[in-house]
């Protein structure tokens, strides 16, 4: 855990992000909804509705073929400036998860969220999202491998 914390602490956006989080409790998150809460929605939402502190983006699938160009276009912090946003990652493998999480850190995110709560049947059948919850040993092995290699902070959606 120390490695993640130290790496995230050194990130230029981290101090403002964390100060905003701790200065006001409770924290209200805008939950992700696939196909709805895209960057346009997240940027417009706070113009019309007050009180939401952070947004969690709909999940990105961690695959072997991560394209940095599309990450920059769709998930660039500059494209998500309406509300502080935490990218969410769907993965059952720590290597691809870590690679995507670190790529997101490199473009400006100080935290990523691991989605272990998605109940969608196709996701569960692949052993991702809520499909991992009945295998705590897999979750533990995932975290043991991923956490030491992560640059950003990690939160988990259950």
C-alpha atoms as a PDB file:
ATOM      1  CA  UNK A   1       0.000   0.000   0.000  1.00  0.00           C
ATOM      2  CA  UNK A   2       2.859   2.409   0.700  1.00  0.00           C
ATOM      3  CA  UNK A   3       3.995   2.324  -2.931  1.00  0.00           C
ATOM      4  CA  UNK A   4       0.554   3.339  -4.192  1.00  0.00           C
ATOM      5  CA  UNK A   5       0.203   6.102  -1.655  1.00  0.00           C
ATOM      6  CA  UNK A   6       3.645   7.556  -2.349  1.00  0.00           C
ATOM      7  CA  UNK A   7       3.172   7.409  -6.111  1.00  0.00           C
ATOM      8  CA  UNK A   8      -0.266   9.004  -5.950  1.00  0.00           C
ATOM      9  CA  UNK A   9       0.932  11.656  -3.477  1.00  0.00           C
ATOM     10  CA  UNK A  10       3.509  12.897  -5.948  1.00  0.00           C
ATOM     11  CA  UNK A  11       0.943  13.407  -8.700  1.00  0.00           C
ATOM     12  CA  UNK A  12       0.257  17.133  -9.344  1.00  0.00           C
ATOM     13  CA  UNK A  13      -3.542  16.760  -9.304  1.00  0.00           C
ATOM     14  CA  UNK A  14      -3.620  14.726  -6.102  1.00  0.00           C
ATOM     15  CA  UNK A  15      -3.611  17.470  -3.471  1.00  0.00           C
ATOM     16  CA  UNK A  16      -6.605  19.353  -4.886  1.00  0.00           C
ATOM     17  CA  UNK A  17      -8.520  16.123  -5.433  1.00  0.00           C
ATOM     18  CA  UNK A  18      -7.961  14.824  -1.894  1.00  0.00           C
ATOM     19  CA  UNK A  19      -8.573  18.211  -0.279  1.00  0.00           C
ATOM     20  CA  UNK A  20     -11.927  18.424  -2.008  1.00  0.00           C
ATOM     21  CA  UNK A  21     -12.788  14.929  -0.788  1.00  0.00           C
ATOM     22  CA  UNK A  22     -11.902  15.504   2.853  1.00  0.00           C
ATOM     23  CA  UNK A  23     -13.111  19.053   3.221  1.00  0.00           C
ATOM     24  CA  UNK A  24     -16.748  18.030   2.912  1.00  0.00           C
ATOM     25  CA  UNK A  25     -18.345  14.947   4.398  1.00  0.00           C
ATOM     26  CA  UNK A  26     -20.380  12.986   3.488  1.00  0.00           C
ATOM     27  CA  UNK A  27     -19.155  12.563  -0.053  1.00  0.00           C
ATOM     28  CA  UNK A  28     -21.829  12.044  -2.692  1.00  0.00           C
ATOM     29  CA  UNK A  29     -20.798  10.051  -5.767  1.00  0.00           C
ATOM     30  CA  UNK A  30     -22.474  10.141  -9.169  1.00  0.00           C
ATOM     31  CA  UNK A  31     -22.745   6.431  -9.940  1.00  0.00           C
ATOM     32  CA  UNK A  32     -21.778   5.114 -13.359  1.00  0.00           C
ATOM     33  CA  UNK A  33     -24.472   3.942 -15.735  1.00  0.00           C
ATOM     34  CA  UNK A  34     -23.224   2.358 -18.950  1.00  0.00           C
ATOM     35  CA  UNK A  35     -24.398   4.299 -21.984  1.00  0.00           C
ATOM     36  CA  UNK A  36     -25.684   7.224 -19.898  1.00  0.00           C
ATOM     37  CA  UNK A  37     -23.060   8.868 -17.707  1.00  0.00           C
ATOM     38  CA  UNK A  38     -20.503   9.578 -20.423  1.00  0.00           C
ATOM     39  CA  UNK A  39     -18.143  12.553 -20.301  1.00  0.00           C
ATOM     40  CA  UNK A  40     -20.745  14.908 -21.790  1.00  0.00           C
ATOM     41  CA  UNK A  41     -23.280  13.930 -19.116  1.00  0.00           C
ATOM     42  CA  UNK A  42     -20.672  14.224 -16.346  1.00  0.00           C
ATOM     43  CA  UNK A  43     -19.653  17.686 -17.547  1.00  0.00           C
ATOM     44  CA  UNK A  44     -23.241  18.952 -17.803  1.00  0.00           C
ATOM     45  CA  UNK A  45     -24.681  17.357 -14.649  1.00  0.00           C
ATOM     46  CA  UNK A  46     -23.102  19.780 -12.128  1.00  0.00           C
ATOM     47  CA  UNK A  47     -24.347  22.770 -14.130  1.00  0.00           C
ATOM     48  CA  UNK A  48     -27.938  21.775 -13.364  1.00  0.00           C
ATOM     49  CA  UNK A  49     -27.721  19.716 -10.168  1.00  0.00           C
ATOM     50  CA  UNK A  50     -25.723  20.640  -7.078  1.00  0.00           C
ATOM     51  CA  UNK A  51     -24.330  18.520  -4.275  1.00  0.00           C
ATOM     52  CA  UNK A  52     -22.520  15.756  -6.161  1.00  0.00           C
ATOM     53  CA  UNK A  53     -18.846  15.674  -5.193  1.00  0.00           C
ATOM     54  CA  UNK A  54     -17.367  13.038  -7.506  1.00  0.00           C
ATOM     55  CA  UNK A  55     -18.315  10.939 -10.502  1.00  0.00           C
ATOM     56  CA  UNK A  56     -17.317   7.371 -11.218  1.00  0.00           C
ATOM     57  CA  UNK A  57     -17.075   6.796 -14.968  1.00  0.00           C
ATOM     58  CA  UNK A  58     -18.675   3.737 -16.601  1.00  0.00           C
ATOM     59  CA  UNK A  59     -16.215   0.871 -16.637  1.00  0.00           C
ATOM     60  CA  UNK A  60     -13.375   0.363 -19.044  1.00  0.00           C
ATOM     61  CA  UNK A  61     -12.554  -3.251 -19.837  1.00  0.00           C
ATOM     62  CA  UNK A  62      -8.931  -4.057 -19.131  1.00  0.00           C
ATOM     63  CA  UNK A  63      -7.804  -5.993 -22.169  1.00  0.00           C
ATOM     64  CA  UNK A  64      -4.451  -6.733 -23.721  1.00  0.00           C
ATOM     65  CA  UNK A  65      -5.034  -4.134 -26.446  1.00  0.00           C
ATOM     66  CA  UNK A  66      -5.232  -0.861 -24.556  1.00  0.00           C
ATOM     67  CA  UNK A  67      -5.102   2.057 -26.984  1.00  0.00           C
ATOM     68  CA  UNK A  68      -3.640   5.172 -25.317  1.00  0.00           C
ATOM     69  CA  UNK A  69      -5.129   7.424 -28.033  1.00  0.00           C
ATOM     70  CA  UNK A  70      -8.693   6.430 -27.197  1.00  0.00           C
ATOM     71  CA  UNK A  71      -7.952   6.800 -23.485  1.00  0.00           C
ATOM     72  CA  UNK A  72      -6.816  10.354 -24.081  1.00  0.00           C
ATOM     73  CA  UNK A  73      -9.844  11.153 -26.205  1.00  0.00           C
ATOM     74  CA  UNK A  74     -12.551   9.658 -23.978  1.00  0.00           C
ATOM     75  CA  UNK A  75     -11.033   9.682 -20.503  1.00  0.00           C
ATOM     76  CA  UNK A  76      -8.644  12.608 -20.526  1.00  0.00           C
ATOM     77  CA  UNK A  77      -9.061  14.668 -17.349  1.00  0.00           C
ATOM     78  CA  UNK A  78      -9.398  17.705 -19.638  1.00  0.00           C
ATOM     79  CA  UNK A  79     -12.479  16.069 -21.178  1.00  0.00           C
ATOM     80  CA  UNK A  80     -13.915  15.379 -17.706  1.00  0.00           C
ATOM     81  CA  UNK A  81     -13.462  18.760 -16.077  1.00  0.00           C
ATOM     82  CA  UNK A  82     -17.080  19.326 -15.009  1.00  0.00           C
ATOM     83  CA  UNK A  83     -16.729  17.137 -11.927  1.00  0.00           C
ATOM     84  CA  UNK A  84     -13.795  15.212 -10.413  1.00  0.00           C
ATOM     85  CA  UNK A  85     -13.993  11.788 -12.047  1.00  0.00           C
ATOM     86  CA  UNK A  86     -12.698   8.376 -11.040  1.00  0.00           C
ATOM     87  CA  UNK A  87     -12.262   5.916 -13.923  1.00  0.00           C
ATOM     88  CA  UNK A  88     -13.658   2.460 -13.225  1.00  0.00           C
ATOM     89  CA  UNK A  89     -11.978  -0.697 -14.493  1.00  0.00           C
ATOM     90  CA  UNK A  90     -13.536  -4.098 -15.112  1.00  0.00           C
ATOM     91  CA  UNK A  91     -10.992  -6.899 -14.996  1.00  0.00           C
ATOM     92  CA  UNK A  92     -10.414 -10.366 -13.642  1.00  0.00           C
ATOM     93  CA  UNK A  93      -6.694 -10.306 -14.426  1.00  0.00           C
ATOM     94  CA  UNK A  94      -4.229  -8.205 -12.426  1.00  0.00           C
ATOM     95  CA  UNK A  95      -1.740  -7.661 -15.268  1.00  0.00           C
ATOM     96  CA  UNK A  96      -4.165  -5.956 -17.657  1.00  0.00           C
ATOM     97  CA  UNK A  97      -5.820  -4.105 -14.775  1.00  0.00           C
ATOM     98  CA  UNK A  98      -2.480  -2.711 -13.605  1.00  0.00           C
ATOM     99  CA  UNK A  99      -1.450  -1.699 -17.118  1.00  0.00           C
ATOM    100  CA  UNK A 100      -4.714   0.209 -17.684  1.00  0.00           C
ATOM    101  CA  UNK A 101      -4.702   1.753 -14.182  1.00  0.00           C
ATOM    102  CA  UNK A 102      -1.143   2.999 -14.638  1.00  0.00           C
ATOM    103  CA  UNK A 103      -1.969   4.383 -18.114  1.00  0.00           C
ATOM    104  CA  UNK A 104      -4.860   6.307 -16.522  1.00  0.00           C
ATOM    105  CA  UNK A 105      -2.494   7.609 -13.838  1.00  0.00           C
ATOM    106  CA  UNK A 106      -0.063   8.727 -16.534  1.00  0.00           C
ATOM    107  CA  UNK A 107      -2.758  10.864 -18.205  1.00  0.00           C
ATOM    108  CA  UNK A 108      -3.723  12.520 -14.914  1.00  0.00           C
ATOM    109  CA  UNK A 109      -5.923  10.342 -12.708  1.00  0.00           C
ATOM    110  CA  UNK A 110      -4.842   9.770  -9.107  1.00  0.00           C
ATOM    111  CA  UNK A 111      -7.414   7.075  -8.337  1.00  0.00           C
ATOM    112  CA  UNK A 112      -9.060   4.195 -10.166  1.00  0.00           C
ATOM    113  CA  UNK A 113     -11.985   2.038  -9.114  1.00  0.00           C
ATOM    114  CA  UNK A 114     -12.110  -1.752  -9.521  1.00  0.00           C
ATOM    115  CA  UNK A 115     -15.645  -2.866 -10.372  1.00  0.00           C
ATOM    116  CA  UNK A 116     -16.610  -5.921  -8.321  1.00  0.00           C
ATOM    117  CA  UNK A 117     -20.295  -5.045  -8.209  1.00  0.00           C
ATOM    118  CA  UNK A 118     -21.619  -5.308 -11.761  1.00  0.00           C
ATOM    119  CA  UNK A 119     -24.409  -7.918 -11.766  1.00  0.00           C
ATOM    120  CA  UNK A 120     -24.860  -7.980 -15.572  1.00  0.00           C
ATOM    121  CA  UNK A 121     -25.143 -11.636 -16.621  1.00  0.00           C
ATOM    122  CA  UNK A 122     -22.550 -11.462 -19.443  1.00  0.00           C
ATOM    123  CA  UNK A 123     -20.011  -9.863 -17.099  1.00  0.00           C
ATOM    124  CA  UNK A 124     -20.648 -12.372 -14.303  1.00  0.00           C
ATOM    125  CA  UNK A 125     -20.344 -15.328 -16.730  1.00  0.00           C
ATOM    126  CA  UNK A 126     -16.841 -14.122 -17.601  1.00  0.00           C
ATOM    127  CA  UNK A 127     -15.877 -14.101 -13.909  1.00  0.00           C
ATOM    128  CA  UNK A 128     -15.674 -10.329 -13.720  1.00  0.00           C
ATOM    129  CA  UNK A 129     -17.649  -7.790 -11.687  1.00  0.00           C
ATOM    130  CA  UNK A 130     -19.945  -9.518  -9.179  1.00  0.00           C
ATOM    131  CA  UNK A 131     -18.843 -12.819 -10.733  1.00  0.00           C
ATOM    132  CA  UNK A 132     -15.657 -12.638  -8.655  1.00  0.00           C
ATOM    133  CA  UNK A 133     -17.389 -12.158  -5.311  1.00  0.00           C
ATOM    134  CA  UNK A 134     -17.929 -15.877  -4.741  1.00  0.00           C
ATOM    135  CA  UNK A 135     -14.170 -16.443  -5.151  1.00  0.00           C
ATOM    136  CA  UNK A 136     -12.479 -14.471  -2.349  1.00  0.00           C
ATOM    137  CA  UNK A 137      -9.218 -16.320  -2.973  1.00  0.00           C
ATOM    138  CA  UNK A 138      -9.132 -14.937  -6.544  1.00  0.00           C
ATOM    139  CA  UNK A 139      -9.787 -11.426  -5.254  1.00  0.00           C
ATOM    140  CA  UNK A 140      -6.991 -11.806  -2.713  1.00  0.00           C
ATOM    141  CA  UNK A 141      -4.559 -13.128  -5.357  1.00  0.00           C
ATOM    142  CA  UNK A 142      -5.566 -10.297  -7.709  1.00  0.00           C
ATOM    143  CA  UNK A 143      -4.919  -7.651  -5.055  1.00  0.00           C
ATOM    144  CA  UNK A 144      -1.622  -9.227  -3.953  1.00  0.00           C
ATOM    145  CA  UNK A 145      -0.345  -8.994  -7.510  1.00  0.00           C
ATOM    146  CA  UNK A 146      -1.920  -5.687  -8.603  1.00  0.00           C
ATOM    147  CA  UNK A 147      -1.526  -3.434  -5.555  1.00  0.00           C
ATOM    148  CA  UNK A 148       2.297  -3.330  -5.428  1.00  0.00           C
ATOM    149  CA  UNK A 149       2.425  -2.431  -9.140  1.00  0.00           C
ATOM    150  CA  UNK A 150      -0.230   0.323  -9.084  1.00  0.00           C
ATOM    151  CA  UNK A 151       0.629   4.002  -9.397  1.00  0.00           C
ATOM    152  CA  UNK A 152      -2.859   5.401  -8.595  1.00  0.00           C
ATOM    153  CA  UNK A 153      -4.901   4.924  -5.456  1.00  0.00           C
ATOM    154  CA  UNK A 154      -7.433   2.109  -5.600  1.00  0.00           C
ATOM    155  CA  UNK A 155     -11.065   2.001  -4.553  1.00  0.00           C
ATOM    156  CA  UNK A 156     -13.374  -0.979  -5.024  1.00  0.00           C
ATOM    157  CA  UNK A 157     -17.041  -1.028  -6.004  1.00  0.00           C
ATOM    158  CA  UNK A 158     -18.978  -3.845  -4.368  1.00  0.00           C
END
